[in-house]
Amino acid sequence: MRTDHAQDGDSDLTSPDLDALERLQYTLLTPLTTVRGRAQLLARRVERLDGIDADQRTWLLHCAATINAAVTDLVTQIRSLQVAAPVPSGDPAGESSDGADVTPIRLHPTPLE
């Protein structure tokens, strides 16, 4: 697991909080990849399935699409998680409401697109 991260290509940061957040994101995104894949397989199977009427097929495809949409929403929310890191003093990147210099660090993209 990497603990050094470039922020806008300027410097490397080492942060236990960032490392823990990356592990949490990975832990949450991994099962979502499985859920999304199974929903896609279900949709393909339903499309090829004989012996069910159009209403059943429509309902099952709608269920698979609903699962996929929920996974996409969760992935977006998980990827938006940020951790605040100190900014060198005098850097105009940002100040928090309590006056401390902080800037959000975006994490590296995860495999689930």
N, C-alpha and C. Protein backbone atom coordinates (compact mmCIF):
# COMPACT_ATOMS: atom_id res chain seq x y z
N MET A 1 0.85 -1.18 0.00
CA MET A 1 0.00 0.00 0.00
C MET A 1 0.88 1.23 0.00
N ARG A 2 0.64 2.13 -0.93
CA ARG A 2 1.41 3.37 -1.00
C ARG A 2 0.98 4.33 0.07
N THR A 3 1.96 5.01 0.66
CA THR A 3 1.64 6.05 1.62
C THR A 3 2.13 7.41 1.18
N ASP A 4 2.88 7.46 0.06
CA ASP A 4 3.33 8.75 -0.43
C ASP A 4 2.47 9.15 -1.62
N HIS A 5 2.03 10.40 -1.60
CA HIS A 5 1.11 10.87 -2.63
C HIS A 5 1.55 12.24 -3.10
N ALA A 6 1.54 12.41 -4.39
CA ALA A 6 1.86 13.72 -4.93
C ALA A 6 0.60 14.56 -4.96
N GLN A 7 0.73 15.78 -4.51
CA GLN A 7 -0.40 16.71 -4.53
C GLN A 7 -0.12 17.72 -5.62
N ASP A 8 -0.88 17.66 -6.69
CA ASP A 8 -0.69 18.53 -7.85
C ASP A 8 0.75 18.46 -8.36
N GLY A 9 1.41 17.33 -8.15
CA GLY A 9 2.76 17.13 -8.63
C GLY A 9 3.81 17.92 -7.88
N ASP A 10 3.44 18.58 -6.77
CA ASP A 10 4.38 19.44 -6.07
C ASP A 10 5.22 18.70 -5.05
N SER A 11 4.60 17.90 -4.20
CA SER A 11 5.35 17.26 -3.12
C SER A 11 4.71 15.94 -2.76
N ASP A 12 5.49 15.10 -2.08
CA ASP A 12 4.99 13.82 -1.59
C ASP A 12 4.56 14.00 -0.14
N LEU A 13 3.43 13.40 0.21
CA LEU A 13 2.92 13.46 1.57
C LEU A 13 2.83 12.05 2.13
N THR A 14 3.14 11.88 3.39
CA THR A 14 2.95 10.62 4.07
C THR A 14 1.94 10.88 5.16
N SER A 15 0.83 10.16 5.14
CA SER A 15 -0.21 10.40 6.12
C SER A 15 -0.90 9.10 6.51
N PRO A 16 -0.87 8.74 7.80
CA PRO A 16 -1.61 7.55 8.24
C PRO A 16 -3.09 7.67 7.95
N ASP A 17 -3.64 8.90 8.06
CA ASP A 17 -5.06 9.09 7.78
C ASP A 17 -5.37 8.82 6.32
N LEU A 18 -4.51 9.29 5.43
CA LEU A 18 -4.70 9.07 4.01
C LEU A 18 -4.60 7.58 3.68
N ASP A 19 -3.64 6.90 4.26
CA ASP A 19 -3.47 5.46 4.04
C ASP A 19 -4.70 4.71 4.54
N ALA A 20 -5.22 5.08 5.71
CA ALA A 20 -6.41 4.43 6.26
C ALA A 20 -7.62 4.70 5.37
N LEU A 21 -7.73 5.91 4.85
CA LEU A 21 -8.85 6.25 3.97
C LEU A 21 -8.77 5.46 2.67
N GLU A 22 -7.56 5.31 2.12
CA GLU A 22 -7.40 4.51 0.90
C GLU A 22 -7.78 3.06 1.16
N ARG A 23 -7.40 2.51 2.31
CA ARG A 23 -7.77 1.13 2.64
C ARG A 23 -9.29 1.00 2.78
N LEU A 24 -9.91 1.99 3.41
CA LEU A 24 -11.36 1.97 3.56
C LEU A 24 -12.04 2.02 2.20
N GLN A 25 -11.56 2.91 1.33
CA GLN A 25 -12.14 3.00 -0.01
C GLN A 25 -12.00 1.66 -0.74
N TYR A 26 -10.83 1.08 -0.69
CA TYR A 26 -10.60 -0.20 -1.36
C TYR A 26 -11.53 -1.27 -0.79
N THR A 27 -11.65 -1.29 0.54
CA THR A 27 -12.50 -2.28 1.21
C THR A 27 -13.96 -2.12 0.80
N LEU A 28 -14.40 -0.90 0.62
CA LEU A 28 -15.79 -0.66 0.22
C LEU A 28 -16.02 -0.89 -1.28
N LEU A 29 -15.04 -0.52 -2.10
CA LEU A 29 -15.22 -0.62 -3.55
C LEU A 29 -15.10 -2.05 -4.07
N THR A 30 -14.31 -2.88 -3.42
CA THR A 30 -14.11 -4.25 -3.90
C THR A 30 -15.41 -5.04 -3.96
N PRO A 31 -16.21 -5.09 -2.89
CA PRO A 31 -17.47 -5.84 -3.01
C PRO A 31 -18.46 -5.18 -3.97
N LEU A 32 -18.38 -3.87 -4.12
CA LEU A 32 -19.28 -3.20 -5.06
C LEU A 32 -18.97 -3.62 -6.50
N THR A 33 -17.71 -3.91 -6.78
CA THR A 33 -17.33 -4.42 -8.10
C THR A 33 -18.04 -5.74 -8.35
N THR A 34 -18.08 -6.60 -7.34
CA THR A 34 -18.75 -7.89 -7.46
C THR A 34 -20.25 -7.71 -7.65
N VAL A 35 -20.85 -6.82 -6.87
CA VAL A 35 -22.29 -6.58 -6.98
C VAL A 35 -22.63 -6.07 -8.38
N ARG A 36 -21.84 -5.11 -8.88
CA ARG A 36 -22.10 -4.58 -10.23
C ARG A 36 -21.96 -5.68 -11.28
N GLY A 37 -20.94 -6.48 -11.17
CA GLY A 37 -20.73 -7.57 -12.13
C GLY A 37 -21.87 -8.57 -12.12
N ARG A 38 -22.33 -8.92 -10.93
CA ARG A 38 -23.46 -9.87 -10.83
C ARG A 38 -24.74 -9.28 -11.39
N ALA A 39 -24.97 -8.00 -11.20
CA ALA A 39 -26.16 -7.35 -11.78
C ALA A 39 -26.09 -7.36 -13.30
N GLN A 40 -24.89 -7.15 -13.84
CA GLN A 40 -24.73 -7.19 -15.29
C GLN A 40 -24.95 -8.61 -15.83
N LEU A 41 -24.42 -9.60 -15.12
CA LEU A 41 -24.64 -10.98 -15.53
C LEU A 41 -26.12 -11.35 -15.45
N LEU A 42 -26.79 -10.91 -14.41
CA LEU A 42 -28.22 -11.15 -14.28
C LEU A 42 -28.99 -10.56 -15.46
N ALA A 43 -28.67 -9.33 -15.83
CA ALA A 43 -29.36 -8.68 -16.95
C ALA A 43 -29.14 -9.46 -18.25
N ARG A 44 -27.90 -9.89 -18.50
CA ARG A 44 -27.63 -10.66 -19.72
C ARG A 44 -28.39 -11.99 -19.72
N ARG A 45 -28.42 -12.63 -18.56
CA ARG A 45 -29.11 -13.92 -18.47
C ARG A 45 -30.61 -13.75 -18.69
N VAL A 46 -31.17 -12.70 -18.11
CA VAL A 46 -32.61 -12.44 -18.27
C VAL A 46 -32.94 -12.16 -19.73
N GLU A 47 -32.07 -11.41 -20.41
CA GLU A 47 -32.32 -11.09 -21.81
C GLU A 47 -32.36 -12.35 -22.67
N ARG A 48 -31.60 -13.36 -22.31
CA ARG A 48 -31.54 -14.61 -23.09
C ARG A 48 -32.49 -15.69 -22.61
N LEU A 49 -33.11 -15.45 -21.47
CA LEU A 49 -33.94 -16.47 -20.83
C LEU A 49 -35.25 -16.68 -21.58
N ASP A 50 -35.56 -17.95 -21.84
CA ASP A 50 -36.86 -18.31 -22.43
C ASP A 50 -37.79 -18.72 -21.30
N GLY A 51 -39.07 -18.64 -21.54
CA GLY A 51 -40.05 -19.13 -20.58
C GLY A 51 -40.54 -18.11 -19.57
N ILE A 52 -40.18 -16.86 -19.73
CA ILE A 52 -40.77 -15.84 -18.87
C ILE A 52 -41.47 -14.82 -19.76
N ASP A 53 -42.54 -14.25 -19.21
CA ASP A 53 -43.28 -13.29 -20.03
C ASP A 53 -42.60 -11.93 -20.01
N ALA A 54 -43.08 -11.04 -20.85
CA ALA A 54 -42.47 -9.72 -21.03
C ALA A 54 -42.48 -8.90 -19.74
N ASP A 55 -43.54 -9.01 -18.95
CA ASP A 55 -43.62 -8.25 -17.69
C ASP A 55 -42.55 -8.71 -16.71
N GLN A 56 -42.37 -10.02 -16.60
CA GLN A 56 -41.33 -10.55 -15.70
C GLN A 56 -39.94 -10.12 -16.17
N ARG A 57 -39.71 -10.22 -17.47
CA ARG A 57 -38.42 -9.83 -18.04
C ARG A 57 -38.15 -8.35 -17.76
N THR A 58 -39.16 -7.50 -17.98
CA THR A 58 -39.01 -6.07 -17.74
C THR A 58 -38.71 -5.79 -16.28
N TRP A 59 -39.43 -6.47 -15.39
CA TRP A 59 -39.23 -6.26 -13.96
C TRP A 59 -37.82 -6.68 -13.55
N LEU A 60 -37.34 -7.83 -14.00
CA LEU A 60 -36.00 -8.30 -13.66
C LEU A 60 -34.91 -7.39 -14.21
N LEU A 61 -35.09 -6.92 -15.44
CA LEU A 61 -34.12 -5.99 -16.02
C LEU A 61 -34.12 -4.66 -15.27
N HIS A 62 -35.31 -4.22 -14.84
CA HIS A 62 -35.40 -3.01 -14.03
C HIS A 62 -34.66 -3.19 -12.70
N CYS A 63 -34.81 -4.35 -12.08
CA CYS A 63 -34.11 -4.63 -10.82
C CYS A 63 -32.59 -4.59 -11.02
N ALA A 64 -32.10 -5.20 -12.09
CA ALA A 64 -30.67 -5.19 -12.38
C ALA A 64 -30.18 -3.76 -12.62
N ALA A 65 -30.96 -2.97 -13.33
CA ALA A 65 -30.59 -1.57 -13.59
C ALA A 65 -30.59 -0.75 -12.31
N THR A 66 -31.53 -1.03 -11.42
CA THR A 66 -31.60 -0.33 -10.14
C THR A 66 -30.37 -0.64 -9.29
N ILE A 67 -29.97 -1.91 -9.28
CA ILE A 67 -28.76 -2.31 -8.54
C ILE A 67 -27.55 -1.59 -9.11
N ASN A 68 -27.43 -1.59 -10.43
CA ASN A 68 -26.30 -0.93 -11.08
C ASN A 68 -26.26 0.56 -10.75
N ALA A 69 -27.41 1.21 -10.77
CA ALA A 69 -27.47 2.65 -10.47
C ALA A 69 -27.08 2.92 -9.01
N ALA A 70 -27.53 2.06 -8.10
CA ALA A 70 -27.18 2.22 -6.68
C ALA A 70 -25.68 2.04 -6.47
N VAL A 71 -25.09 1.07 -7.15
CA VAL A 71 -23.65 0.85 -7.04
C VAL A 71 -22.90 2.06 -7.59
N THR A 72 -23.33 2.58 -8.72
CA THR A 72 -22.68 3.76 -9.31
C THR A 72 -22.73 4.94 -8.35
N ASP A 73 -23.88 5.15 -7.69
CA ASP A 73 -24.02 6.23 -6.72
C ASP A 73 -23.08 6.03 -5.54
N LEU A 74 -23.01 4.81 -5.02
CA LEU A 74 -22.11 4.53 -3.89
C LEU A 74 -20.65 4.73 -4.28
N VAL A 75 -20.27 4.27 -5.46
CA VAL A 75 -18.89 4.45 -5.92
C VAL A 75 -18.55 5.93 -5.98
N THR A 76 -19.45 6.74 -6.50
CA THR A 76 -19.23 8.18 -6.58
C THR A 76 -19.04 8.78 -5.19
N GLN A 77 -19.88 8.37 -4.25
CA GLN A 77 -19.78 8.89 -2.88
C GLN A 77 -18.48 8.44 -2.21
N ILE A 78 -18.10 7.20 -2.39
CA ILE A 78 -16.87 6.68 -1.78
C ILE A 78 -15.66 7.39 -2.35
N ARG A 79 -15.65 7.59 -3.66
CA ARG A 79 -14.52 8.26 -4.28
C ARG A 79 -14.41 9.73 -3.89
N SER A 80 -15.50 10.33 -3.44
CA SER A 80 -15.46 11.74 -3.06
C SER A 80 -14.92 11.94 -1.65
N LEU A 81 -14.70 10.86 -0.92
CA LEU A 81 -14.13 10.98 0.42
C LEU A 81 -12.77 11.64 0.33
N GLN A 82 -12.51 12.55 1.22
CA GLN A 82 -11.25 13.28 1.22
C GLN A 82 -10.71 13.33 2.63
N VAL A 83 -9.44 13.61 2.71
CA VAL A 83 -8.82 13.87 4.00
C VAL A 83 -8.10 15.21 3.88
N ALA A 84 -8.16 16.01 4.92
CA ALA A 84 -7.50 17.31 4.88
C ALA A 84 -6.05 17.15 5.33
N ALA A 85 -5.14 17.76 4.60
CA ALA A 85 -3.71 17.71 4.92
C ALA A 85 -3.20 19.12 5.11
N PRO A 86 -2.20 19.28 5.98
CA PRO A 86 -1.64 20.62 6.19
C PRO A 86 -1.02 21.17 4.91
N VAL A 87 -1.15 22.46 4.73
CA VAL A 87 -0.54 23.17 3.60
C VAL A 87 0.61 23.97 4.19
N PRO A 88 1.74 24.02 3.50
CA PRO A 88 2.84 24.83 4.01
C PRO A 88 2.37 26.26 4.30
N SER A 89 2.85 26.82 5.42
CA SER A 89 2.40 28.16 5.80
C SER A 89 2.72 29.16 4.70
N GLY A 90 1.81 30.10 4.53
CA GLY A 90 1.97 31.10 3.49
C GLY A 90 1.48 30.65 2.14
N ASP A 91 1.06 29.38 2.01
CA ASP A 91 0.55 28.86 0.74
C ASP A 91 -0.91 29.28 0.63
N PRO A 92 -1.30 29.95 -0.44
CA PRO A 92 -2.68 30.44 -0.57
C PRO A 92 -3.67 29.36 -0.98
N ALA A 93 -3.30 28.08 -0.87
CA ALA A 93 -4.18 27.00 -1.32
C ALA A 93 -5.49 26.97 -0.55
N GLY A 94 -5.46 27.39 0.71
CA GLY A 94 -6.72 27.41 1.43
C GLY A 94 -6.53 27.44 2.92
N GLU A 95 -7.52 27.98 3.60
CA GLU A 95 -7.55 27.98 5.04
C GLU A 95 -8.90 27.49 5.49
N SER A 96 -8.91 26.70 6.58
CA SER A 96 -10.18 26.22 7.12
C SER A 96 -10.83 27.34 7.92
N SER A 97 -12.05 27.12 8.35
CA SER A 97 -12.77 28.15 9.08
C SER A 97 -12.13 28.46 10.42
N ASP A 98 -11.34 27.52 10.97
CA ASP A 98 -10.69 27.78 12.25
C ASP A 98 -9.31 28.42 12.08
N GLY A 99 -8.95 28.80 10.83
CA GLY A 99 -7.71 29.48 10.58
C GLY A 99 -6.54 28.58 10.24
N ALA A 100 -6.69 27.27 10.39
CA ALA A 100 -5.60 26.34 10.07
C ALA A 100 -5.49 26.18 8.56
N ASP A 101 -4.28 26.10 8.08
CA ASP A 101 -4.07 25.89 6.65
C ASP A 101 -4.33 24.42 6.32
N VAL A 102 -5.33 24.16 5.49
CA VAL A 102 -5.62 22.79 5.05
C VAL A 102 -6.05 22.82 3.60
N THR A 103 -5.84 21.71 2.94
CA THR A 103 -6.33 21.54 1.58
C THR A 103 -6.74 20.09 1.41
N PRO A 104 -7.83 19.82 0.69
CA PRO A 104 -8.23 18.43 0.51
C PRO A 104 -7.27 17.70 -0.42
N ILE A 105 -7.05 16.44 -0.15
CA ILE A 105 -6.22 15.59 -1.00
C ILE A 105 -7.15 14.61 -1.70
N ARG A 106 -7.13 14.61 -3.01
CA ARG A 106 -7.90 13.63 -3.77
C ARG A 106 -7.09 12.35 -3.82
N LEU A 107 -7.77 11.23 -3.62
CA LEU A 107 -7.09 9.95 -3.66
C LEU A 107 -6.95 9.47 -5.10
N HIS A 108 -6.05 8.53 -5.29
CA HIS A 108 -5.84 7.96 -6.61
C HIS A 108 -7.09 7.25 -7.10
N PRO A 109 -7.36 7.22 -8.40
CA PRO A 109 -8.53 6.52 -8.91
C PRO A 109 -8.45 5.04 -8.57
N THR A 110 -9.60 4.45 -8.34
CA THR A 110 -9.67 3.03 -8.03
C THR A 110 -10.08 2.26 -9.28
N PRO A 111 -9.90 0.94 -9.29
CA PRO A 111 -10.19 0.16 -10.50
C PRO A 111 -11.64 0.20 -10.96
N LEU A 112 -12.57 0.44 -10.06
CA LEU A 112 -13.98 0.40 -10.43
C LEU A 112 -14.36 1.69 -11.12
N GLU A 113 -14.69 1.64 -12.38
CA GLU A 113 -15.07 2.83 -13.15
C GLU A 113 -16.55 2.87 -13.35
